[in-house]
């Protein structure tokens, strides 16, 4: 019996993958901008982490800290986003803090 592959593995669609990455990065940028515009920009902002929970819903964590040893989550939100990337609701409500 031959050990040859009986099928050809599917070739990845790199253009589609790149397009999906660009769309995700654009959406993440829009979400980050809306959160920071509503919250204000902390002086010691390190990162805004955006995680998709399910379609149209995201967890956003705002990390602050003056150095790597002092980084902490200062704010955390559960967001509902429409298909255009606009903020519908935030839990808890985003209040201007900075």
C-alpha atoms as a PDB file:
ATOM      1  CA  UNK A   1       0.000   0.000   0.000  1.00  0.00           C
ATOM      2  CA  UNK A   2       1.290   3.425  -0.957  1.00  0.00           C
ATOM      3  CA  UNK A   3       1.994   6.142   1.600  1.00  0.00           C
ATOM      4  CA  UNK A   4       1.228   8.897  -0.907  1.00  0.00           C
ATOM      5  CA  UNK A   5      -1.355  11.515  -0.077  1.00  0.00           C
ATOM      6  CA  UNK A   6      -4.699  10.597  -1.583  1.00  0.00           C
ATOM      7  CA  UNK A   7      -5.782  14.220  -1.893  1.00  0.00           C
ATOM      8  CA  UNK A   8      -4.289  17.631  -2.452  1.00  0.00           C
ATOM      9  CA  UNK A   9      -4.405  19.863   0.626  1.00  0.00           C
ATOM     10  CA  UNK A  10      -6.368  23.053   0.106  1.00  0.00           C
ATOM     11  CA  UNK A  11      -4.210  26.052  -0.675  1.00  0.00           C
ATOM     12  CA  UNK A  12      -4.877  29.006   1.586  1.00  0.00           C
ATOM     13  CA  UNK A  13      -6.630  31.993   0.049  1.00  0.00           C
ATOM     14  CA  UNK A  14      -4.050  34.590   1.089  1.00  0.00           C
ATOM     15  CA  UNK A  15      -5.924  37.515  -0.432  1.00  0.00           C
ATOM     16  CA  UNK A  16      -9.064  36.610   1.534  1.00  0.00           C
ATOM     17  CA  UNK A  17      -7.007  36.142   4.726  1.00  0.00           C
ATOM     18  CA  UNK A  18      -5.313  39.528   4.246  1.00  0.00           C
ATOM     19  CA  UNK A  19      -8.677  41.175   3.582  1.00  0.00           C
ATOM     20  CA  UNK A  20     -10.143  39.672   6.772  1.00  0.00           C
ATOM     21  CA  UNK A  21      -7.132  40.859   8.786  1.00  0.00           C
ATOM     22  CA  UNK A  22      -7.476  44.388   7.342  1.00  0.00           C
ATOM     23  CA  UNK A  23     -11.206  44.436   8.149  1.00  0.00           C
ATOM     24  CA  UNK A  24     -10.563  43.217  11.708  1.00  0.00           C
ATOM     25  CA  UNK A  25      -7.797  45.789  12.258  1.00  0.00           C
ATOM     26  CA  UNK A  26     -10.024  48.569  10.895  1.00  0.00           C
ATOM     27  CA  UNK A  27     -12.888  47.510  13.165  1.00  0.00           C
ATOM     28  CA  UNK A  28     -10.559  47.299  16.187  1.00  0.00           C
ATOM     29  CA  UNK A  29      -9.221  50.784  15.425  1.00  0.00           C
ATOM     30  CA  UNK A  30     -12.782  52.189  15.235  1.00  0.00           C
ATOM     31  CA  UNK A  31     -13.745  50.540  18.520  1.00  0.00           C
ATOM     32  CA  UNK A  32     -10.566  51.743  20.258  1.00  0.00           C
ATOM     33  CA  UNK A  33     -11.092  55.304  19.005  1.00  0.00           C
ATOM     34  CA  UNK A  34     -14.696  55.410  20.225  1.00  0.00           C
ATOM     35  CA  UNK A  35     -13.769  54.066  23.668  1.00  0.00           C
ATOM     36  CA  UNK A  36     -10.846  56.479  24.153  1.00  0.00           C
ATOM     37  CA  UNK A  37     -12.898  59.421  22.804  1.00  0.00           C
ATOM     38  CA  UNK A  38     -15.647  58.662  25.359  1.00  0.00           C
ATOM     39  CA  UNK A  39     -13.314  57.755  28.251  1.00  0.00           C
ATOM     40  CA  UNK A  40     -10.517  60.232  27.631  1.00  0.00           C
ATOM     41  CA  UNK A  41      -6.878  59.224  27.162  1.00  0.00           C
ATOM     42  CA  UNK A  42      -5.107  58.147  30.356  1.00  0.00           C
ATOM     43  CA  UNK A  43      -1.670  59.729  30.728  1.00  0.00           C
ATOM     44  CA  UNK A  44      -0.139  56.288  31.306  1.00  0.00           C
ATOM     45  CA  UNK A  45      -2.109  54.380  28.623  1.00  0.00           C
ATOM     46  CA  UNK A  46      -0.329  51.164  27.628  1.00  0.00           C
ATOM     47  CA  UNK A  47      -2.813  49.319  25.444  1.00  0.00           C
ATOM     48  CA  UNK A  48      -6.465  48.890  24.549  1.00  0.00           C
ATOM     49  CA  UNK A  49      -7.214  45.177  24.168  1.00  0.00           C
ATOM     50  CA  UNK A  50     -10.240  44.243  22.069  1.00  0.00           C
ATOM     51  CA  UNK A  51     -11.612  40.694  22.056  1.00  0.00           C
ATOM     52  CA  UNK A  52     -14.576  39.552  20.004  1.00  0.00           C
ATOM     53  CA  UNK A  53     -16.978  37.604  22.228  1.00  0.00           C
ATOM     54  CA  UNK A  54     -19.526  36.847  19.514  1.00  0.00           C
ATOM     55  CA  UNK A  55     -20.928  38.625  16.465  1.00  0.00           C
ATOM     56  CA  UNK A  56     -21.297  42.323  17.250  1.00  0.00           C
ATOM     57  CA  UNK A  57     -20.159  41.974  20.887  1.00  0.00           C
ATOM     58  CA  UNK A  58     -16.707  42.725  22.248  1.00  0.00           C
ATOM     59  CA  UNK A  59     -14.795  42.857  25.536  1.00  0.00           C
ATOM     60  CA  UNK A  60     -12.513  45.893  25.751  1.00  0.00           C
ATOM     61  CA  UNK A  61      -9.819  46.246  28.422  1.00  0.00           C
ATOM     62  CA  UNK A  62      -7.900  49.499  28.903  1.00  0.00           C
ATOM     63  CA  UNK A  63      -4.417  48.846  30.291  1.00  0.00           C
ATOM     64  CA  UNK A  64      -2.454  51.575  32.083  1.00  0.00           C
ATOM     65  CA  UNK A  65       0.895  51.707  33.853  1.00  0.00           C
ATOM     66  CA  UNK A  66       4.052  53.771  33.899  1.00  0.00           C
ATOM     67  CA  UNK A  67       6.251  50.717  33.284  1.00  0.00           C
ATOM     68  CA  UNK A  68       5.890  47.003  32.530  1.00  0.00           C
ATOM     69  CA  UNK A  69       5.841  46.083  36.218  1.00  0.00           C
ATOM     70  CA  UNK A  70       2.923  48.356  37.037  1.00  0.00           C
ATOM     71  CA  UNK A  71       0.535  47.534  34.171  1.00  0.00           C
ATOM     72  CA  UNK A  72      -3.073  46.952  35.239  1.00  0.00           C
ATOM     73  CA  UNK A  73      -6.568  47.003  33.746  1.00  0.00           C
ATOM     74  CA  UNK A  74      -8.001  50.399  34.612  1.00  0.00           C
ATOM     75  CA  UNK A  75     -11.266  50.015  32.689  1.00  0.00           C
ATOM     76  CA  UNK A  76     -13.134  47.086  31.206  1.00  0.00           C
ATOM     77  CA  UNK A  77     -16.265  47.184  29.058  1.00  0.00           C
ATOM     78  CA  UNK A  78     -18.608  44.822  27.282  1.00  0.00           C
ATOM     79  CA  UNK A  79     -19.648  46.505  24.019  1.00  0.00           C
ATOM     80  CA  UNK A  80     -22.351  45.970  21.449  1.00  0.00           C
ATOM     81  CA  UNK A  81     -21.269  47.247  18.031  1.00  0.00           C
ATOM     82  CA  UNK A  82     -23.390  47.649  14.887  1.00  0.00           C
ATOM     83  CA  UNK A  83     -22.363  46.274  11.485  1.00  0.00           C
ATOM     84  CA  UNK A  84     -20.644  49.570  10.620  1.00  0.00           C
ATOM     85  CA  UNK A  85     -18.495  49.469  13.758  1.00  0.00           C
ATOM     86  CA  UNK A  86     -20.399  52.138  15.697  1.00  0.00           C
ATOM     87  CA  UNK A  87     -20.883  51.733  19.423  1.00  0.00           C
ATOM     88  CA  UNK A  88     -24.468  50.828  20.385  1.00  0.00           C
ATOM     89  CA  UNK A  89     -24.119  50.116  24.116  1.00  0.00           C
ATOM     90  CA  UNK A  90     -21.393  49.745  26.707  1.00  0.00           C
ATOM     91  CA  UNK A  91     -21.654  47.924  30.016  1.00  0.00           C
ATOM     92  CA  UNK A  92     -20.776  49.612  32.267  1.00  0.00           C
ATOM     93  CA  UNK A  93     -21.505  52.944  30.644  1.00  0.00           C
ATOM     94  CA  UNK A  94     -18.314  54.709  29.508  1.00  0.00           C
ATOM     95  CA  UNK A  95     -17.875  57.896  31.506  1.00  0.00           C
ATOM     96  CA  UNK A  96     -15.280  60.614  30.840  1.00  0.00           C
ATOM     97  CA  UNK A  97     -12.476  59.983  33.354  1.00  0.00           C
ATOM     98  CA  UNK A  98      -9.333  61.451  31.824  1.00  0.00           C
END
